Amino acid sequence: MAVTPTAKHNHDELFGERVSLLAQSDPELIEYFDNFAFDEVYADAARLDETLGRPTQLMVQLAAILAAGGLAEFRVVAAAALVNGGVKPVELKEIVYQSVACVGMARAYDYLHAVNDILTDAGVELPLPGQSTSTSQTRLEHGKSVQGRVIGADAVAARLNDTPDDEVHFQRYLAANCFGDTVGRSGIDLPVRELLTFSMLVALGGADAQVRGHVSGNLKVGNTRERLLAVLTLLLPYIGYPRTLNGLAAVNDLTR
């Protein structure tokens, strides 16, 4: 099986002249993987949503690779996305910052160092300009406002007001920390952040209820069924069929 011209073009456009060692040691796997990931998948994602630009395509893939624990793959794709894929330094950083709320610092830690290495190697001065949009005094109210755009203001109020006293702090954390400190940051707009959260949760596995919640959230911020299906299509080569199909089931539950 030869690599198709389309797959070669798309691969080389992203990775340039980088030589894959796996293409030498495992040529059969890389040939059919590249044909799938860089030809079939790109074509079907574009058919579903032709307005989902290459930078956003790469960002959702990076979010999923991170959540799946693919540090070596993340380094390769992130470096290429920065140089050739139109992904900005602040967007790389914000993907990792946002991941802390989804996968925890224990996993995000290595990816933060990876992004710092990639940016430094590219000549980007650190730290980047700050993207926080709240303070310690405003983070809860700001977070409630951002969360309200995703699940509805009434739902936010109900969670904070109706949850038992011994667990209400989790709802406060969601509003203030997850949404106020993290999702409400600048650097990436909210519809794309919801796609990133969806991608991380699908790739993480074992978070079916949260995936369904963020299918709903994506729809509320303007992302469509077709866009979510395009994202799942782009994720499949990196996270496999079981988690992709679980994500598809969640999309179907809320859009069919």
Foldseek 3Di string as FASTA:
>chain_A
DAADPQLVVQVCLQQPPDDDPCCVVPVVVVRVLSNQQRPVLVVLLCVLPVPCAQLLLLLLQLLLCLLLLPQVVNLRNVLSCPPRVPHDLLSQQLSLLLCCVVRNCVSSVSSNVSSVVSCVVVVHDPDDDFFADDDPVCQQVQLLVQVCLQQNNVVLVCLQPVDDPVPSVVSSCCRRPNRRGRLVTPPDDNLSSLSSSLSSQLSNPPNLVVNLSSLSRNVSNPDDLSNNLSSLSNNCSSRHDPSSVSSVVSSVVPHD
